[in-house]
C-alpha atoms as a PDB file:
ATOM      1  CA  MET A   1       1.984  13.229   3.713  1.00  0.00           C
ATOM      2  CA  ARG A   2       3.375   9.728   4.208  1.00  0.00           C
ATOM      3  CA  ILE A   3       1.378   7.058   2.354  1.00  0.00           C
ATOM      4  CA  PHE A   4       1.924   3.315   2.716  1.00  0.00           C
ATOM      5  CA  LEU A   5       0.877   1.404  -0.403  1.00  0.00           C
ATOM      6  CA  ASP A   6      -0.533  -2.104  -0.217  1.00  0.00           C
ATOM      7  CA  ALA A   7       0.267  -4.681  -2.929  1.00  0.00           C
ATOM      8  CA  SER A   8      -3.214  -4.269  -4.401  1.00  0.00           C
ATOM      9  CA  VAL A   9      -2.508  -0.602  -5.108  1.00  0.00           C
ATOM     10  CA  LEU A  10       0.851  -1.402  -6.718  1.00  0.00           C
ATOM     11  CA  PHE A  11      -0.822  -4.113  -8.819  1.00  0.00           C
ATOM     12  CA  SER A  12      -3.556  -1.725  -9.953  1.00  0.00           C
ATOM     13  CA  ALA A  13      -1.115   1.083 -10.749  1.00  0.00           C
ATOM     14  CA  ALA A  14       1.040  -1.253 -12.852  1.00  0.00           C
ATOM     15  CA  TYR A  15      -1.923  -2.863 -14.579  1.00  0.00           C
ATOM     16  CA  SER A  16      -3.813   0.299 -15.535  1.00  0.00           C
ATOM     17  CA  ALA A  17      -2.464   3.616 -16.797  1.00  0.00           C
ATOM     18  CA  SER A  18      -5.499   5.391 -15.379  1.00  0.00           C
ATOM     19  CA  GLY A  19      -7.263   5.297 -12.049  1.00  0.00           C
ATOM     20  CA  ALA A  20      -6.659   6.394  -8.501  1.00  0.00           C
ATOM     21  CA  SER A  21      -3.805   3.952  -7.815  1.00  0.00           C
ATOM     22  CA  ARG A  22      -1.771   5.270 -10.734  1.00  0.00           C
ATOM     23  CA  GLU A  23      -2.601   8.866  -9.717  1.00  0.00           C
ATOM     24  CA  ILE A  24      -1.192   8.255  -6.240  1.00  0.00           C
ATOM     25  CA  ILE A  25       2.027   6.918  -7.770  1.00  0.00           C
ATOM     26  CA  ARG A  26       2.143   9.946 -10.104  1.00  0.00           C
ATOM     27  CA  ARG A  27       1.842  12.286  -7.131  1.00  0.00           C
ATOM     28  CA  GLY A  28       4.637  10.392  -5.423  1.00  0.00           C
ATOM     29  CA  ILE A  29       6.843  10.807  -8.480  1.00  0.00           C
ATOM     30  CA  LEU A  30       6.108  14.542  -8.449  1.00  0.00           C
ATOM     31  CA  GLY A  31       7.042  14.746  -4.780  1.00  0.00           C
ATOM     32  CA  GLU A  32       3.540  15.661  -3.634  1.00  0.00           C
ATOM     33  CA  LEU A  33       3.294  12.498  -1.509  1.00  0.00           C
ATOM     34  CA  GLN A  34       5.923  10.528   0.340  1.00  0.00           C
ATOM     35  CA  LEU A  35       5.297   6.921  -0.673  1.00  0.00           C
ATOM     36  CA  VAL A  36       6.285   3.937   1.434  1.00  0.00           C
ATOM     37  CA  VAL A  37       6.220   0.214   0.659  1.00  0.00           C
ATOM     38  CA  SER A  38       7.787  -2.893   2.142  1.00  0.00           C
ATOM     39  CA  VAL A  39       9.756  -5.638   0.464  1.00  0.00           C
ATOM     40  CA  TRP A  40       6.891  -8.017   1.274  1.00  0.00           C
ATOM     41  CA  VAL A  41       4.337  -5.740  -0.452  1.00  0.00           C
ATOM     42  CA  VAL A  42       6.468  -5.336  -3.587  1.00  0.00           C
ATOM     43  CA  GLU A  43       7.064  -9.098  -3.780  1.00  0.00           C
ATOM     44  CA  GLU A  44       3.340  -9.796  -3.408  1.00  0.00           C
ATOM     45  CA  ALA A  45       2.451  -7.271  -6.130  1.00  0.00           C
ATOM     46  CA  ARG A  46       5.091  -8.758  -8.450  1.00  0.00           C
ATOM     47  CA  ARG A  47       3.927 -12.326  -7.747  1.00  0.00           C
ATOM     48  CA  ASN A  48       0.282 -11.410  -8.429  1.00  0.00           C
ATOM     49  CA  LEU A  49       1.179  -9.581 -11.640  1.00  0.00           C
ATOM     50  CA  GLN A  50       3.239 -12.567 -12.833  1.00  0.00           C
ATOM     51  CA  ALA A  51       0.214 -14.809 -12.279  1.00  0.00           C
ATOM     52  CA  LYS A  52      -2.515 -12.526 -13.642  1.00  0.00           C
ATOM     53  CA  ALA A  53      -0.907  -9.919 -15.924  1.00  0.00           C
ATOM     54  CA  PRO A  54       2.721 -10.811 -16.685  1.00  0.00           C
ATOM     55  CA  GLY A  55       3.014  -8.025 -19.235  1.00  0.00           C
ATOM     56  CA  ALA A  56       2.569  -5.445 -16.455  1.00  0.00           C
ATOM     57  CA  VAL A  57       5.525  -6.585 -14.326  1.00  0.00           C
ATOM     58  CA  GLY A  58       7.875  -4.289 -16.250  1.00  0.00           C
ATOM     59  CA  GLN A  59       5.515  -1.378 -15.620  1.00  0.00           C
ATOM     60  CA  LEU A  60       5.674  -2.070 -11.881  1.00  0.00           C
ATOM     61  CA  ASP A  61       9.464  -1.852 -12.019  1.00  0.00           C
ATOM     62  CA  ILE A  62       9.296   1.425 -13.952  1.00  0.00           C
ATOM     63  CA  LEU A  63       6.836   2.949 -11.487  1.00  0.00           C
ATOM     64  CA  LEU A  64       8.854   1.867  -8.461  1.00  0.00           C
ATOM     65  CA  GLU A  65      12.049   3.251  -9.950  1.00  0.00           C
ATOM     66  CA  ALA A  66      10.402   6.578 -10.806  1.00  0.00           C
ATOM     67  CA  ALA A  67       8.570   6.957  -7.483  1.00  0.00           C
ATOM     68  CA  ALA A  68      11.511   5.729  -5.385  1.00  0.00           C
ATOM     69  CA  PRO A  69       9.335   4.892  -2.367  1.00  0.00           C
ATOM     70  CA  HIS A  70      10.824   4.510   1.077  1.00  0.00           C
ATOM     71  CA  THR A  71      10.981   0.935   2.342  1.00  0.00           C
ATOM     72  CA  ALA A  72       9.574   0.083   5.758  1.00  0.00           C
ATOM     73  CA  LYS A  73      10.914  -2.936   7.620  1.00  0.00           C
ATOM     74  CA  PRO A  74       8.652  -4.138  10.420  1.00  0.00           C
ATOM     75  CA  THR A  75      10.094  -6.342  13.131  1.00  0.00           C
ATOM     76  CA  GLU A  76       8.782  -9.818  13.882  1.00  0.00           C
ATOM     77  CA  THR A  77       7.415  -8.415  17.142  1.00  0.00           C
ATOM     78  CA  GLN A  78       5.483  -5.719  15.257  1.00  0.00           C
ATOM     79  CA  ILE A  79       4.063  -8.322  12.870  1.00  0.00           C
ATOM     80  CA  ARG A  80       3.007 -10.620  15.731  1.00  0.00           C
ATOM     81  CA  SER A  81       1.412  -7.659  17.479  1.00  0.00           C
ATOM     82  CA  ALA A  82      -0.631  -6.840  14.369  1.00  0.00           C
ATOM     83  CA  MET A  83      -1.870 -10.448  14.240  1.00  0.00           C
ATOM     84  CA  ALA A  84      -3.924  -9.682  17.353  1.00  0.00           C
ATOM     85  CA  TYR A  85      -6.378  -7.640  15.275  1.00  0.00           C
ATOM     86  CA  ILE A  86      -5.881  -8.569  11.608  1.00  0.00           C
ATOM     87  CA  ALA A  87      -5.466 -11.798   9.630  1.00  0.00           C
ATOM     88  CA  ALA A  88      -1.937 -13.209   9.651  1.00  0.00           C
ATOM     89  CA  LYS A  89      -1.556 -12.699   5.877  1.00  0.00           C
ATOM     90  CA  ASP A  90      -2.246  -8.951   6.273  1.00  0.00           C
ATOM     91  CA  ALA A  91      -0.289  -8.411   9.487  1.00  0.00           C
ATOM     92  CA  PRO A  92       3.032  -7.689   7.685  1.00  0.00           C
ATOM     93  CA  VAL A  93       1.311  -4.905   5.711  1.00  0.00           C
ATOM     94  CA  VAL A  94      -0.214  -3.207   8.739  1.00  0.00           C
ATOM     95  CA  ALA A  95       2.981  -3.671  10.759  1.00  0.00           C
ATOM     96  CA  ALA A  96       5.043  -2.103   7.971  1.00  0.00           C
ATOM     97  CA  ALA A  97       2.659   0.859   7.686  1.00  0.00           C
ATOM     98  CA  ARG A  98       2.907   1.400  11.435  1.00  0.00           C
ATOM     99  CA  ALA A  99       6.696   1.036  11.372  1.00  0.00           C
ATOM    100  CA  ALA A 100       6.799   3.674   8.626  1.00  0.00           C
ATOM    101  CA  ASN A 101       4.722   6.110  10.687  1.00  0.00           C
ATOM    102  CA  ALA A 102       2.404   6.370   7.704  1.00  0.00           C
ATOM    103  CA  ASP A 103      -0.385   8.919   7.762  1.00  0.00           C
ATOM    104  CA  HIS A 104      -2.503   6.556   5.674  1.00  0.00           C
ATOM    105  CA  LEU A 105      -2.450   2.943   4.535  1.00  0.00           C
ATOM    106  CA  VAL A 106      -3.941   2.729   1.041  1.00  0.00           C
ATOM    107  CA  SER A 107      -5.411  -0.580  -0.080  1.00  0.00           C
ATOM    108  CA  LEU A 108      -8.049  -2.004  -2.412  1.00  0.00           C
ATOM    109  CA  ASP A 109      -8.746  -4.875  -0.001  1.00  0.00           C
ATOM    110  CA  ARG A 110     -12.267  -4.109   1.200  1.00  0.00           C
ATOM    111  CA  LYS A 111     -12.759  -7.610   2.566  1.00  0.00           C
ATOM    112  CA  HIS A 112      -9.842  -7.642   5.011  1.00  0.00           C
ATOM    113  CA  MET A 113      -8.660  -4.051   5.500  1.00  0.00           C
ATOM    114  CA  VAL A 114     -10.668  -1.087   4.258  1.00  0.00           C
ATOM    115  CA  ASP A 115     -13.766  -0.330   6.345  1.00  0.00           C
ATOM    116  CA  VAL A 116     -13.266  -3.432   8.496  1.00  0.00           C
ATOM    117  CA  PRO A 117     -14.472  -2.566  11.999  1.00  0.00           C
ATOM    118  CA  GLY A 118     -11.783  -2.276  14.626  1.00  0.00           C
ATOM    119  CA  ILE A 119      -8.672  -2.431  12.444  1.00  0.00           C
ATOM    120  CA  GLU A 120      -8.165   1.335  12.198  1.00  0.00           C
ATOM    121  CA  ALA A 121      -8.661   1.771  15.935  1.00  0.00           C
ATOM    122  CA  ALA A 122      -6.383  -1.139  16.854  1.00  0.00           C
ATOM    123  CA  SER A 123      -3.651  -0.165  14.412  1.00  0.00           C
ATOM    124  CA  GLY A 124      -3.892   3.599  14.804  1.00  0.00           C
ATOM    125  CA  LEU A 125      -3.858   3.902  11.016  1.00  0.00           C
ATOM    126  CA  SER A 126      -6.207   5.601   8.607  1.00  0.00           C
ATOM    127  CA  ILE A 127      -6.965   2.905   6.011  1.00  0.00           C
ATOM    128  CA  LEU A 128      -8.360   4.214   2.739  1.00  0.00           C
ATOM    129  CA  LEU A 129      -9.140   3.156  -0.797  1.00  0.00           C
ATOM    130  CA  PRO A 130      -7.028   4.993  -3.386  1.00  0.00           C
ATOM    131  CA  GLY A 131     -10.054   7.071  -4.419  1.00  0.00           C
ATOM    132  CA  GLY A 132     -10.719   7.935  -0.778  1.00  0.00           C
ATOM    133  CA  LEU A 133      -7.182   9.253  -0.394  1.00  0.00           C
ATOM    134  CA  LEU A 134      -7.546  11.393  -3.499  1.00  0.00           C
ATOM    135  CA  GLN A 135     -10.841  12.785  -2.185  1.00  0.00           C
ATOM    136  CA  LYS A 136      -9.154  13.634   1.088  1.00  0.00           C
ATOM    137  CA  LEU A 137      -6.335  15.394  -0.745  1.00  0.00           C
ATOM    138  CA  ARG A 138      -8.800  17.451  -2.780  1.00  0.00           C
ATOM    139  CA  ALA A 139     -10.760  18.524   0.319  1.00  0.00           C
END
């Protein structure tokens, strides 16, 4: 299963040794999930950690090295296309998940992505919270 990770999930996994975000990374390390990120997502996670939890930046690097996620590179056209149905700041994330042919986009952003009407239909993506993905895997 191909899982695209949003910056919020990377932040959470680096910040806390427990929780669903870290469990998804662990499953990626074990080869149970194929993880995908984008350069933009990693930079955003790193920038947010530097601002809010600088001691966790090293943990992010360790997790990324161990999980060795694939890197998706959306085109400018794909990003502009995503702007038709999602805020410009989130368009690179959705475009990258689509470019990666991800089965699921995992995010903690309830306000702009998860359970926001119309985004799943417009993008063709399943957008889940980390806990929702783990529930789906257990089912």
